[in-house]
Amino acid sequence: MLRFENQNIEFKQEYMSDIQKEVMAFANAQGGTVLIGVRKDGMVMGVENPDEVMLQVENYLKDSLALDIMPFVSIRMIEVEEKQVVEIEVSTWTNRPYYLREKGLKPSGVYIRKGSSSQPMTDEGIYEMIVENSGKSFESS
């Protein structure tokens, strides 16, 4: 059994299409890890076909997120408690915020990791992140 979710770790029992929200939230914060094959309570269940899951995750992230997040994401199979788990390791970069292509740069399309959950960013937070990453001062704009 693994520890509980926190600012840097998210558990998913199985691959689900909302995975991009978690990956984006980590990339917009300080980075983190998503483990597919682990229940919310930390119980390791494993995944039946890790190669297929890794391919699904990679393709879905490429198709659903803007900006190109893939250089900052590592997807691999690891063994935990003798079970196969898919690990998605996300680092952060200055080219933020990342957002859902279909929603755009608005609260419903931009998430950030806070504590053990991924939350929508406010319009002000999105603007502040854009200004911060452009190298300009937020106060002087």
Protein backbone atom coordinates (compact mmCIF):
# COMPACT_ATOMS: atom_id res chain seq x y z
CA MET A 1 0.00 0.00 0.00
CA LEU A 2 1.28 3.44 -0.92
CA ARG A 3 0.91 6.67 1.00
CA PHE A 4 -1.99 8.99 0.31
CA GLU A 5 -2.33 11.54 -2.46
CA ASN A 6 -0.74 14.92 -1.87
CA GLN A 7 0.55 18.01 -3.66
CA ASN A 8 2.87 15.86 -5.80
CA ILE A 9 1.11 12.49 -6.18
CA GLU A 10 -2.22 11.51 -7.75
CA PHE A 11 -3.58 7.96 -7.82
CA LYS A 12 -5.84 6.60 -10.56
CA GLN A 13 -7.19 3.08 -10.33
CA GLU A 14 -7.45 2.92 -14.12
CA TYR A 15 -6.89 5.07 -17.18
CA MET A 16 -9.65 7.64 -17.60
CA SER A 17 -9.97 10.45 -20.09
CA ASP A 18 -9.69 13.11 -17.37
CA ILE A 19 -6.01 12.22 -16.92
CA GLN A 20 -5.01 15.32 -18.87
CA LYS A 21 -6.48 17.52 -16.13
CA GLU A 22 -4.17 15.99 -13.52
CA VAL A 23 -1.09 16.16 -15.76
CA MET A 24 -1.84 19.78 -16.67
CA ALA A 25 -2.40 20.71 -13.02
CA PHE A 26 1.01 19.32 -12.06
CA ALA A 27 2.71 21.08 -15.00
CA ASN A 28 1.08 24.38 -14.01
CA ALA A 29 2.29 23.94 -10.40
CA GLN A 30 5.58 22.37 -9.25
CA GLY A 31 5.30 19.09 -11.12
CA GLY A 32 4.26 15.72 -9.77
CA THR A 33 3.45 12.09 -10.49
CA VAL A 34 0.29 10.29 -11.54
CA LEU A 35 0.20 6.57 -10.83
CA ILE A 36 -2.32 4.54 -12.83
CA GLY A 37 -3.17 1.24 -11.18
CA VAL A 38 -3.40 2.59 -7.63
CA ARG A 39 -6.68 3.22 -5.80
CA LYS A 40 -7.38 6.51 -4.00
CA ASP A 41 -6.64 4.81 -0.67
CA GLY A 42 -3.15 3.82 -1.89
CA MET A 43 -3.95 0.13 -2.54
CA VAL A 44 -1.93 -1.05 -5.55
CA MET A 45 -4.18 -2.81 -8.08
CA GLY A 46 -1.91 -2.75 -11.14
CA VAL A 47 -2.91 -2.43 -14.79
CA GLU A 48 -3.47 -5.34 -17.15
CA ASN A 49 -1.88 -3.90 -20.27
CA PRO A 50 0.60 -1.15 -19.36
CA ASP A 51 1.86 -0.69 -22.94
CA GLU A 52 -1.65 0.06 -24.18
CA VAL A 53 -2.32 2.42 -21.27
CA MET A 54 0.95 4.29 -21.85
CA LEU A 55 0.11 4.74 -25.54
CA GLN A 56 -3.42 5.95 -24.71
CA VAL A 57 -2.06 8.47 -22.20
CA GLU A 58 0.59 9.79 -24.58
CA ASN A 59 -1.83 10.19 -27.48
CA TYR A 60 -4.51 11.79 -25.33
CA LEU A 61 -2.09 14.30 -23.81
CA LYS A 62 -0.78 15.25 -27.26
CA ASP A 63 -4.29 15.71 -28.63
CA SER A 64 -6.00 17.44 -25.72
CA LEU A 65 -3.44 19.85 -24.22
CA ALA A 66 -1.90 23.05 -25.49
CA LEU A 67 1.07 23.99 -25.27
CA ASP A 68 3.21 20.96 -26.14
CA ILE A 69 3.61 19.30 -22.76
CA MET A 70 5.28 16.08 -23.91
CA PRO A 71 8.91 17.21 -23.48
CA PHE A 72 8.12 17.59 -19.76
CA VAL A 73 6.25 14.31 -19.29
CA SER A 74 7.76 10.87 -18.77
CA ILE A 75 5.45 7.85 -19.09
CA ARG A 76 6.73 4.45 -18.06
CA MET A 77 5.77 1.16 -16.48
CA ILE A 78 7.06 0.52 -12.99
CA GLU A 79 6.59 -2.41 -10.66
CA VAL A 80 5.02 -1.69 -7.29
CA GLU A 81 4.26 -4.51 -4.87
CA GLU A 82 4.85 -6.97 -7.73
CA LYS A 83 2.17 -5.31 -9.89
CA GLN A 84 2.53 -3.26 -13.06
CA VAL A 85 1.69 0.41 -12.59
CA VAL A 86 1.91 3.22 -15.15
CA GLU A 87 3.85 6.20 -13.85
CA ILE A 88 3.38 9.62 -15.43
CA GLU A 89 6.07 11.95 -14.16
CA VAL A 90 5.44 15.62 -14.88
CA SER A 91 8.00 18.38 -14.57
CA THR A 92 7.26 22.05 -14.86
CA TRP A 93 8.62 24.63 -17.25
CA THR A 94 8.34 28.35 -17.82
CA ASN A 95 6.06 27.95 -20.83
CA ARG A 96 2.84 28.05 -18.79
CA PRO A 97 -0.08 27.87 -18.40
CA TYR A 98 -0.93 24.59 -20.10
CA TYR A 99 -4.60 24.30 -20.98
CA LEU A 100 -7.27 22.13 -22.59
CA ARG A 101 -7.36 22.82 -26.33
CA GLU A 102 -11.14 22.58 -26.48
CA LYS A 103 -11.70 25.01 -23.58
CA GLY A 104 -8.91 27.55 -24.06
CA LEU A 105 -7.32 29.92 -21.56
CA LYS A 106 -10.24 30.25 -19.17
CA PRO A 107 -11.01 28.70 -15.77
CA SER A 108 -12.77 25.68 -17.28
CA GLY A 109 -9.67 24.94 -19.36
CA VAL A 110 -6.78 25.61 -16.97
CA TYR A 111 -6.07 23.59 -13.82
CA ILE A 112 -3.42 23.79 -11.11
CA ARG A 113 -2.48 21.39 -8.33
CA LYS A 114 -3.40 22.58 -4.84
CA GLY A 115 -2.96 20.15 -2.00
CA SER A 116 -4.26 16.75 -3.04
CA SER A 117 -6.59 17.99 -5.78
CA SER A 118 -6.50 19.65 -9.18
CA GLN A 119 -8.50 22.86 -9.26
CA PRO A 120 -9.54 25.31 -11.98
CA MET A 121 -7.49 28.48 -12.07
CA THR A 122 -9.20 31.85 -11.85
CA ASP A 123 -9.05 34.34 -14.71
CA GLU A 124 -6.74 36.44 -12.55
CA GLY A 125 -4.49 33.45 -11.81
CA ILE A 126 -4.24 32.60 -15.50
CA TYR A 127 -3.35 36.19 -16.38
CA GLU A 128 -0.80 36.36 -13.57
CA MET A 129 0.87 33.13 -14.75
CA ILE A 130 1.05 34.40 -18.33
CA VAL A 131 2.61 37.68 -17.22
CA GLU A 132 4.97 35.93 -14.79
CA ASN A 133 6.22 33.60 -17.51
CA SER A 134 6.63 36.39 -20.04
CA GLY A 135 9.32 37.92 -17.82
CA LYS A 136 7.33 41.04 -16.97
CA SER A 137 6.23 42.16 -13.54
CA PHE A 138 2.56 41.55 -12.74
CA GLU A 139 2.33 44.80 -10.78
CA SER A 140 3.73 46.94 -13.59
CA SER A 141 1.27 45.81 -16.23
